[in-house]
Amino acid sequence: MTITLPDLPALDHIAEGDIRLDLACGAYAAGHLSRQSAADVAGVSRYDFDLALHGRRIPTFTEEMLAQDLETLRVLGSK
């Protein structure tokens, strides 16, 4: 996939890697990509991507995920 950005002076000071990371973080936050897929889009390791998410205050573990995990533990515990 190729994305073409407009030739704007405001973009001149932003490195391509930073734009890729911003795009990947946004796609992850919107639920379009998994963390690993987003890290791949950004061209960084999963660890570095997690650091970027943390720096942007984008949660990687939600209350919904916690509820699902607790339900799984409840089901497994009743067996």
PDB file of N, CA and C in Angstrom:
ATOM      1  N   MET A   1       0.847  -1.170   0.000  1.00  0.00           N
ATOM      2  CA  MET A   1       0.000   0.000   0.000  1.00  0.00           C
ATOM      3  C   MET A   1       0.893   1.233   0.000  1.00  0.00           C
ATOM      4  N   THR A   2       0.486   2.189  -0.765  1.00  0.00           N
ATOM      5  CA  THR A   2       1.207   3.454  -0.817  1.00  0.00           C
ATOM      6  C   THR A   2       0.262   4.568  -0.399  1.00  0.00           C
ATOM      7  N   ILE A   3       0.728   5.396   0.488  1.00  0.00           N
ATOM      8  CA  ILE A   3      -0.039   6.558   0.916  1.00  0.00           C
ATOM      9  C   ILE A   3       0.725   7.791   0.470  1.00  0.00           C
ATOM     10  N   THR A   4       0.041   8.660  -0.227  1.00  0.00           N
ATOM     11  CA  THR A   4       0.658   9.891  -0.708  1.00  0.00           C
ATOM     12  C   THR A   4       0.128  11.057   0.113  1.00  0.00           C
ATOM     13  N   LEU A   5       1.038  11.773   0.724  1.00  0.00           N
ATOM     14  CA  LEU A   5       0.665  12.940   1.513  1.00  0.00           C
ATOM     15  C   LEU A   5       0.864  14.189   0.681  1.00  0.00           C
ATOM     16  N   PRO A   6       0.077  15.218   0.959  1.00  0.00           N
ATOM     17  CA  PRO A   6       0.266  16.471   0.215  1.00  0.00           C
ATOM     18  C   PRO A   6       1.622  17.086   0.536  1.00  0.00           C
ATOM     19  N   ASP A   7       2.158  17.793  -0.411  1.00  0.00           N
ATOM     20  CA  ASP A   7       3.458  18.440  -0.247  1.00  0.00           C
ATOM     21  C   ASP A   7       3.253  19.753   0.507  1.00  0.00           C
ATOM     22  N   LEU A   8       3.187  19.643   1.839  1.00  0.00           N
ATOM     23  CA  LEU A   8       2.931  20.810   2.678  1.00  0.00           C
ATOM     24  C   LEU A   8       4.179  21.167   3.483  1.00  0.00           C
ATOM     25  N   PRO A   9       4.480  22.442   3.616  1.00  0.00           N
ATOM     26  CA  PRO A   9       5.629  22.847   4.429  1.00  0.00           C
ATOM     27  C   PRO A   9       5.526  22.347   5.870  1.00  0.00           C
ATOM     28  N   ALA A  10       4.315  22.203   6.384  1.00  0.00           N
ATOM     29  CA  ALA A  10       4.125  21.746   7.761  1.00  0.00           C
ATOM     30  C   ALA A  10       4.643  20.323   7.966  1.00  0.00           C
ATOM     31  N   LEU A  11       4.740  19.550   6.894  1.00  0.00           N
ATOM     32  CA  LEU A  11       5.210  18.172   6.984  1.00  0.00           C
ATOM     33  C   LEU A  11       6.715  18.041   6.786  1.00  0.00           C
ATOM     34  N   ASP A  12       7.359  19.109   6.348  1.00  0.00           N
ATOM     35  CA  ASP A  12       8.791  19.050   6.039  1.00  0.00           C
ATOM     36  C   ASP A  12       9.654  18.644   7.225  1.00  0.00           C
ATOM     37  N   HIS A  13       9.264  19.032   8.426  1.00  0.00           N
ATOM     38  CA  HIS A  13      10.093  18.769   9.609  1.00  0.00           C
ATOM     39  C   HIS A  13       9.776  17.427  10.272  1.00  0.00           C
ATOM     40  N   ILE A  14       8.802  16.688   9.730  1.00  0.00           N
ATOM     41  CA  ILE A  14       8.415  15.414  10.339  1.00  0.00           C
ATOM     42  C   ILE A  14       9.068  14.272   9.553  1.00  0.00           C
ATOM     43  N   ALA A  15       9.821  13.448  10.251  1.00  0.00           N
ATOM     44  CA  ALA A  15      10.483  12.314   9.609  1.00  0.00           C
ATOM     45  C   ALA A  15       9.453  11.267   9.200  1.00  0.00           C
ATOM     46  N   GLU A  16       9.757  10.544   8.138  1.00  0.00           N
ATOM     47  CA  GLU A  16       8.852   9.505   7.648  1.00  0.00           C
ATOM     48  C   GLU A  16       8.549   8.479   8.745  1.00  0.00           C
ATOM     49  N   GLY A  17       9.557   8.109   9.515  1.00  0.00           N
ATOM     50  CA  GLY A  17       9.353   7.139  10.587  1.00  0.00           C
ATOM     51  C   GLY A  17       8.375   7.629  11.637  1.00  0.00           C
ATOM     52  N   ASP A  18       8.414   8.920  11.919  1.00  0.00           N
ATOM     53  CA  ASP A  18       7.478   9.497  12.890  1.00  0.00           C
ATOM     54  C   ASP A  18       6.053   9.477  12.351  1.00  0.00           C
ATOM     55  N   ILE A  19       5.904   9.749  11.076  1.00  0.00           N
ATOM     56  CA  ILE A  19       4.571   9.702  10.460  1.00  0.00           C
ATOM     57  C   ILE A  19       4.039   8.271  10.476  1.00  0.00           C
ATOM     58  N   ARG A  20       4.907   7.307  10.163  1.00  0.00           N
ATOM     59  CA  ARG A  20       4.491   5.897  10.200  1.00  0.00           C
ATOM     60  C   ARG A  20       4.074   5.486  11.607  1.00  0.00           C
ATOM     61  N   LEU A  21       4.818   5.936  12.613  1.00  0.00           N
ATOM     62  CA  LEU A  21       4.494   5.606  13.999  1.00  0.00           C
ATOM     63  C   LEU A  21       3.169   6.250  14.412  1.00  0.00           C
ATOM     64  N   ASP A  22       2.972   7.505  14.046  1.00  0.00           N
ATOM     65  CA  ASP A  22       1.713   8.183  14.364  1.00  0.00           C
ATOM     66  C   ASP A  22       0.527   7.467  13.705  1.00  0.00           C
ATOM     67  N   LEU A  23       0.693   7.092  12.462  1.00  0.00           N
ATOM     68  CA  LEU A  23      -0.357   6.375  11.738  1.00  0.00           C
ATOM     69  C   LEU A  23      -0.653   5.034  12.401  1.00  0.00           C
ATOM     70  N   ALA A  24       0.387   4.311  12.758  1.00  0.00           N
ATOM     71  CA  ALA A  24       0.217   3.001  13.382  1.00  0.00           C
ATOM     72  C   ALA A  24      -0.462   3.121  14.743  1.00  0.00           C
ATOM     73  N   CYS A  25      -0.067   4.118  15.531  1.00  0.00           N
ATOM     74  CA  CYS A  25      -0.690   4.320  16.846  1.00  0.00           C
ATOM     75  C   CYS A  25      -2.173   4.652  16.681  1.00  0.00           C
ATOM     76  N   GLY A  26      -2.480   5.495  15.731  1.00  0.00           N
ATOM     77  CA  GLY A  26      -3.880   5.847  15.482  1.00  0.00           C
ATOM     78  C   GLY A  26      -4.701   4.656  15.018  1.00  0.00           C
ATOM     79  N   ALA A  27      -4.122   3.842  14.138  1.00  0.00           N
ATOM     80  CA  ALA A  27      -4.832   2.661  13.650  1.00  0.00           C
ATOM     81  C   ALA A  27      -5.048   1.644  14.768  1.00  0.00           C
ATOM     82  N   TYR A  28      -4.060   1.508  15.653  1.00  0.00           N
ATOM     83  CA  TYR A  28      -4.217   0.611  16.799  1.00  0.00           C
ATOM     84  C   TYR A  28      -5.298   1.142  17.739  1.00  0.00           C
ATOM     85  N   ALA A  29      -5.233   2.436  18.058  1.00  0.00           N
ATOM     86  CA  ALA A  29      -6.192   3.042  18.986  1.00  0.00           C
ATOM     87  C   ALA A  29      -7.617   2.938  18.459  1.00  0.00           C
ATOM     88  N   ALA A  30      -7.775   3.001  17.135  1.00  0.00           N
ATOM     89  CA  ALA A  30      -9.108   2.899  16.529  1.00  0.00           C
ATOM     90  C   ALA A  30      -9.588   1.456  16.418  1.00  0.00           C
ATOM     91  N   GLY A  31      -8.712   0.507  16.747  1.00  0.00           N
ATOM     92  CA  GLY A  31      -9.098  -0.896  16.681  1.00  0.00           C
ATOM     93  C   GLY A  31      -8.939  -1.526  15.311  1.00  0.00           C
ATOM     94  N   HIS A  32      -8.225  -0.852  14.421  1.00  0.00           N
ATOM     95  CA  HIS A  32      -8.039  -1.373  13.066  1.00  0.00           C
ATOM     96  C   HIS A  32      -6.899  -2.383  12.963  1.00  0.00           C
ATOM     97  N   LEU A  33      -5.917  -2.279  13.851  1.00  0.00           N
ATOM     98  CA  LEU A  33      -4.746  -3.153  13.804  1.00  0.00           C
ATOM     99  C   LEU A  33      -4.442  -3.710  15.187  1.00  0.00           C
ATOM    100  N   SER A  34      -3.893  -4.917  15.214  1.00  0.00           N
ATOM    101  CA  SER A  34      -3.377  -5.466  16.463  1.00  0.00           C
ATOM    102  C   SER A  34      -2.096  -4.718  16.816  1.00  0.00           C
ATOM    103  N   ARG A  35      -1.613  -4.906  18.042  1.00  0.00           N
ATOM    104  CA  ARG A  35      -0.371  -4.239  18.428  1.00  0.00           C
ATOM    105  C   ARG A  35       0.789  -4.689  17.561  1.00  0.00           C
ATOM    106  N   GLN A  36       0.887  -5.980  17.271  1.00  0.00           N
ATOM    107  CA  GLN A  36       2.007  -6.449  16.457  1.00  0.00           C
ATOM    108  C   GLN A  36       1.916  -5.920  15.032  1.00  0.00           C
ATOM    109  N   SER A  37       0.716  -5.940  14.451  1.00  0.00           N
ATOM    110  CA  SER A  37       0.556  -5.415  13.090  1.00  0.00           C
ATOM    111  C   SER A  37       0.888  -3.929  13.041  1.00  0.00           C
ATOM    112  N   ALA A  38       0.454  -3.198  14.046  1.00  0.00           N
ATOM    113  CA  ALA A  38       0.747  -1.764  14.092  1.00  0.00           C
ATOM    114  C   ALA A  38       2.248  -1.521  14.246  1.00  0.00           C
ATOM    115  N   ALA A  39       2.905  -2.340  15.070  1.00  0.00           N
ATOM    116  CA  ALA A  39       4.360  -2.214  15.211  1.00  0.00           C
ATOM    117  C   ALA A  39       5.043  -2.469  13.875  1.00  0.00           C
ATOM    118  N   ASP A  40       4.542  -3.448  13.127  1.00  0.00           N
ATOM    119  CA  ASP A  40       5.103  -3.743  11.806  1.00  0.00           C
ATOM    120  C   ASP A  40       4.912  -2.561  10.855  1.00  0.00           C
ATOM    121  N   VAL A  41       3.733  -1.952  10.888  1.00  0.00           N
ATOM    122  CA  VAL A  41       3.474  -0.779  10.052  1.00  0.00           C
ATOM    123  C   VAL A  41       4.442   0.346  10.422  1.00  0.00           C
ATOM    124  N   ALA A  42       4.658   0.525  11.716  1.00  0.00           N
ATOM    125  CA  ALA A  42       5.555   1.594  12.179  1.00  0.00           C
ATOM    126  C   ALA A  42       7.015   1.283  11.900  1.00  0.00           C
ATOM    127  N   GLY A  43       7.314  -0.002  11.681  1.00  0.00           N
ATOM    128  CA  GLY A  43       8.701  -0.395  11.434  1.00  0.00           C
ATOM    129  C   GLY A  43       9.538  -0.415  12.693  1.00  0.00           C
ATOM    130  N   VAL A  44       8.888  -0.705  13.833  1.00  0.00           N
ATOM    131  CA  VAL A  44       9.593  -0.753  15.114  1.00  0.00           C
ATOM    132  C   VAL A  44       9.292  -2.082  15.810  1.00  0.00           C
ATOM    133  N   SER A  45      10.065  -2.368  16.837  1.00  0.00           N
ATOM    134  CA  SER A  45       9.817  -3.593  17.602  1.00  0.00           C
ATOM    135  C   SER A  45       8.520  -3.445  18.396  1.00  0.00           C
ATOM    136  N   ARG A  46       7.979  -4.568  18.816  1.00  0.00           N
ATOM    137  CA  ARG A  46       6.760  -4.543  19.629  1.00  0.00           C
ATOM    138  C   ARG A  46       7.016  -3.761  20.926  1.00  0.00           C
ATOM    139  N   TYR A  47       8.182  -3.940  21.517  1.00  0.00           N
ATOM    140  CA  TYR A  47       8.534  -3.219  22.748  1.00  0.00           C
ATOM    141  C   TYR A  47       8.534  -1.706  22.504  1.00  0.00           C
ATOM    142  N   ASP A  48       9.192  -1.276  21.430  1.00  0.00           N
ATOM    143  CA  ASP A  48       9.245   0.154  21.125  1.00  0.00           C
ATOM    144  C   ASP A  48       7.860   0.703  20.796  1.00  0.00           C
ATOM    145  N   PHE A  49       7.030  -0.125  20.152  1.00  0.00           N
ATOM    146  CA  PHE A  49       5.666   0.311  19.866  1.00  0.00           C
ATOM    147  C   PHE A  49       4.878   0.478  21.155  1.00  0.00           C
ATOM    148  N   ASP A  50       5.039  -0.465  22.083  1.00  0.00           N
ATOM    149  CA  ASP A  50       4.364  -0.351  23.374  1.00  0.00           C
ATOM    150  C   ASP A  50       4.808   0.910  24.109  1.00  0.00           C
ATOM    151  N   LEU A  51       6.084   1.253  24.015  1.00  0.00           N
ATOM    152  CA  LEU A  51       6.573   2.494  24.625  1.00  0.00           C
ATOM    153  C   LEU A  51       5.912   3.715  23.978  1.00  0.00           C
ATOM    154  N   ALA A  52       5.757   3.670  22.663  1.00  0.00           N
ATOM    155  CA  ALA A  52       5.111   4.779  21.955  1.00  0.00           C
ATOM    156  C   ALA A  52       3.644   4.901  22.374  1.00  0.00           C
ATOM    157  N   LEU A  53       2.961   3.767  22.515  1.00  0.00           N
ATOM    158  CA  LEU A  53       1.569   3.806  22.965  1.00  0.00           C
ATOM    159  C   LEU A  53       1.485   4.402  24.369  1.00  0.00           C
ATOM    160  N   HIS A  54       2.364   3.951  25.236  1.00  0.00           N
ATOM    161  CA  HIS A  54       2.367   4.465  26.601  1.00  0.00           C
ATOM    162  C   HIS A  54       2.615   5.979  26.609  1.00  0.00           C
ATOM    163  N   GLY A  55       3.565   6.423  25.813  1.00  0.00           N
ATOM    164  CA  GLY A  55       3.867   7.847  25.738  1.00  0.00           C
ATOM    165  C   GLY A  55       2.705   8.681  25.227  1.00  0.00           C
ATOM    166  N   ARG A  56       1.843   8.063  24.442  1.00  0.00           N
ATOM    167  CA  ARG A  56       0.669   8.754  23.911  1.00  0.00           C
ATOM    168  C   ARG A  56      -0.576   8.491  24.758  1.00  0.00           C
ATOM    169  N   ARG A  57      -0.391   7.764  25.847  1.00  0.00           N
ATOM    170  CA  ARG A  57      -1.489   7.398  26.755  1.00  0.00           C
ATOM    171  C   ARG A  57      -2.589   6.617  26.048  1.00  0.00           C
ATOM    172  N   ILE A  58      -2.178   5.735  25.151  1.00  0.00           N
ATOM    173  CA  ILE A  58      -3.110   4.845  24.471  1.00  0.00           C
ATOM    174  C   ILE A  58      -3.074   3.516  25.219  1.00  0.00           C
ATOM    175  N   PRO A  59      -4.194   3.107  25.815  1.00  0.00           N
ATOM    176  CA  PRO A  59      -4.189   1.883  26.630  1.00  0.00           C
ATOM    177  C   PRO A  59      -3.980   0.631  25.788  1.00  0.00           C
ATOM    178  N   THR A  60      -3.261  -0.313  26.360  1.00  0.00           N
ATOM    179  CA  THR A  60      -3.060  -1.606  25.698  1.00  0.00           C
ATOM    180  C   THR A  60      -3.836  -2.710  26.398  1.00  0.00           C
ATOM    181  N   PHE A  61      -4.401  -2.393  27.547  1.00  0.00           N
ATOM    182  CA  PHE A  61      -5.212  -3.362  28.271  1.00  0.00           C
ATOM    183  C   PHE A  61      -6.411  -2.608  28.818  1.00  0.00           C
ATOM    184  N   THR A  62      -7.604  -2.947  28.340  1.00  0.00           N
ATOM    185  CA  THR A  62      -8.806  -2.207  28.686  1.00  0.00           C
ATOM    186  C   THR A  62      -9.606  -2.925  29.769  1.00  0.00           C
ATOM    187  N   GLU A  63     -10.574  -2.241  30.306  1.00  0.00           N
ATOM    188  CA  GLU A  63     -11.463  -2.855  31.284  1.00  0.00           C
ATOM    189  C   GLU A  63     -12.227  -4.023  30.662  1.00  0.00           C
ATOM    190  N   GLU A  64     -12.562  -3.893  29.399  1.00  0.00           N
ATOM    191  CA  GLU A  64     -13.254  -4.984  28.696  1.00  0.00           C
ATOM    192  C   GLU A  64     -12.359  -6.223  28.614  1.00  0.00           C
ATOM    193  N   MET A  65     -11.090  -6.023  28.327  1.00  0.00           N
ATOM    194  CA  MET A  65     -10.146  -7.147  28.280  1.00  0.00           C
ATOM    195  C   MET A  65     -10.029  -7.798  29.653  1.00  0.00           C
ATOM    196  N   LEU A  66      -9.990  -6.981  30.696  1.00  0.00           N
ATOM    197  CA  LEU A  66      -9.919  -7.512  32.053  1.00  0.00           C
ATOM    198  C   LEU A  66     -11.158  -8.342  32.362  1.00  0.00           C
ATOM    199  N   ALA A  67     -12.327  -7.835  31.998  1.00  0.00           N
ATOM    200  CA  ALA A  67     -13.571  -8.567  32.234  1.00  0.00           C
ATOM    201  C   ALA A  67     -13.558  -9.910  31.497  1.00  0.00           C
ATOM    202  N   GLN A  68     -13.063  -9.919  30.272  1.00  0.00           N
ATOM    203  CA  GLN A  68     -12.975 -11.173  29.507  1.00  0.00           C
ATOM    204  C   GLN A  68     -12.022 -12.147  30.182  1.00  0.00           C
ATOM    205  N   ASP A  69     -10.898 -11.654  30.637  1.00  0.00           N
ATOM    206  CA  ASP A  69      -9.926 -12.519  31.317  1.00  0.00           C
ATOM    207  C   ASP A  69     -10.512 -13.092  32.608  1.00  0.00           C
ATOM    208  N   LEU A  70     -11.211 -12.258  33.364  1.00  0.00           N
ATOM    209  CA  LEU A  70     -11.817 -12.727  34.610  1.00  0.00           C
ATOM    210  C   LEU A  70     -12.891 -13.779  34.342  1.00  0.00           C
ATOM    211  N   GLU A  71     -13.666 -13.580  33.282  1.00  0.00           N
ATOM    212  CA  GLU A  71     -14.687 -14.567  32.918  1.00  0.00           C
ATOM    213  C   GLU A  71     -14.036 -15.883  32.505  1.00  0.00           C
ATOM    214  N   THR A  72     -12.958 -15.814  31.759  1.00  0.00           N
ATOM    215  CA  THR A  72     -12.233 -17.028  31.363  1.00  0.00           C
ATOM    216  C   THR A  72     -11.720 -17.766  32.594  1.00  0.00           C
ATOM    217  N   LEU A  73     -11.160 -17.037  33.532  1.00  0.00           N
ATOM    218  CA  LEU A  73     -10.669 -17.660  34.774  1.00  0.00           C
ATOM    219  C   LEU A  73     -11.809 -18.285  35.569  1.00  0.00           C
ATOM    220  N   ARG A  74     -12.962 -17.617  35.594  1.00  0.00           N
ATOM    221  CA  ARG A  74     -14.126 -18.151  36.295  1.00  0.00           C
ATOM    222  C   ARG A  74     -14.564 -19.470  35.667  1.00  0.00           C
ATOM    223  N   VAL A  75     -14.640 -19.495  34.334  1.00  0.00           N
ATOM    224  CA  VAL A  75     -15.059 -20.700  33.619  1.00  0.00           C
ATOM    225  C   VAL A  75     -14.044 -21.834  33.842  1.00  0.00           C
ATOM    226  N   LEU A  76     -12.768 -21.512  33.723  1.00  0.00           N
ATOM    227  CA  LEU A  76     -11.740 -22.529  33.908  1.00  0.00           C
ATOM    228  C   LEU A  76     -11.707 -23.032  35.340  1.00  0.00           C
ATOM    229  N   GLY A  77     -11.982 -22.154  36.280  1.00  0.00           N
ATOM    230  CA  GLY A  77     -11.965 -22.535  37.686  1.00  0.00           C
ATOM    231  C   GLY A  77     -13.122 -23.439  38.066  1.00  0.00           C
ATOM    232  N   SER A  78     -14.224 -23.376  37.295  1.00  0.00           N
ATOM    233  CA  SER A  78     -15.389 -24.203  37.622  1.00  0.00           C
ATOM    234  C   SER A  78     -15.303 -25.601  37.021  1.00  0.00           C
ATOM    235  N   LYS A  79     -14.255 -25.884  36.286  1.00  0.00           N
ATOM    236  CA  LYS A  79     -14.117 -27.205  35.656  1.00  0.00           C
ATOM    237  C   LYS A  79     -13.431 -28.170  36.577  1.00  0.00           C
TER     238      LYS A  79
END
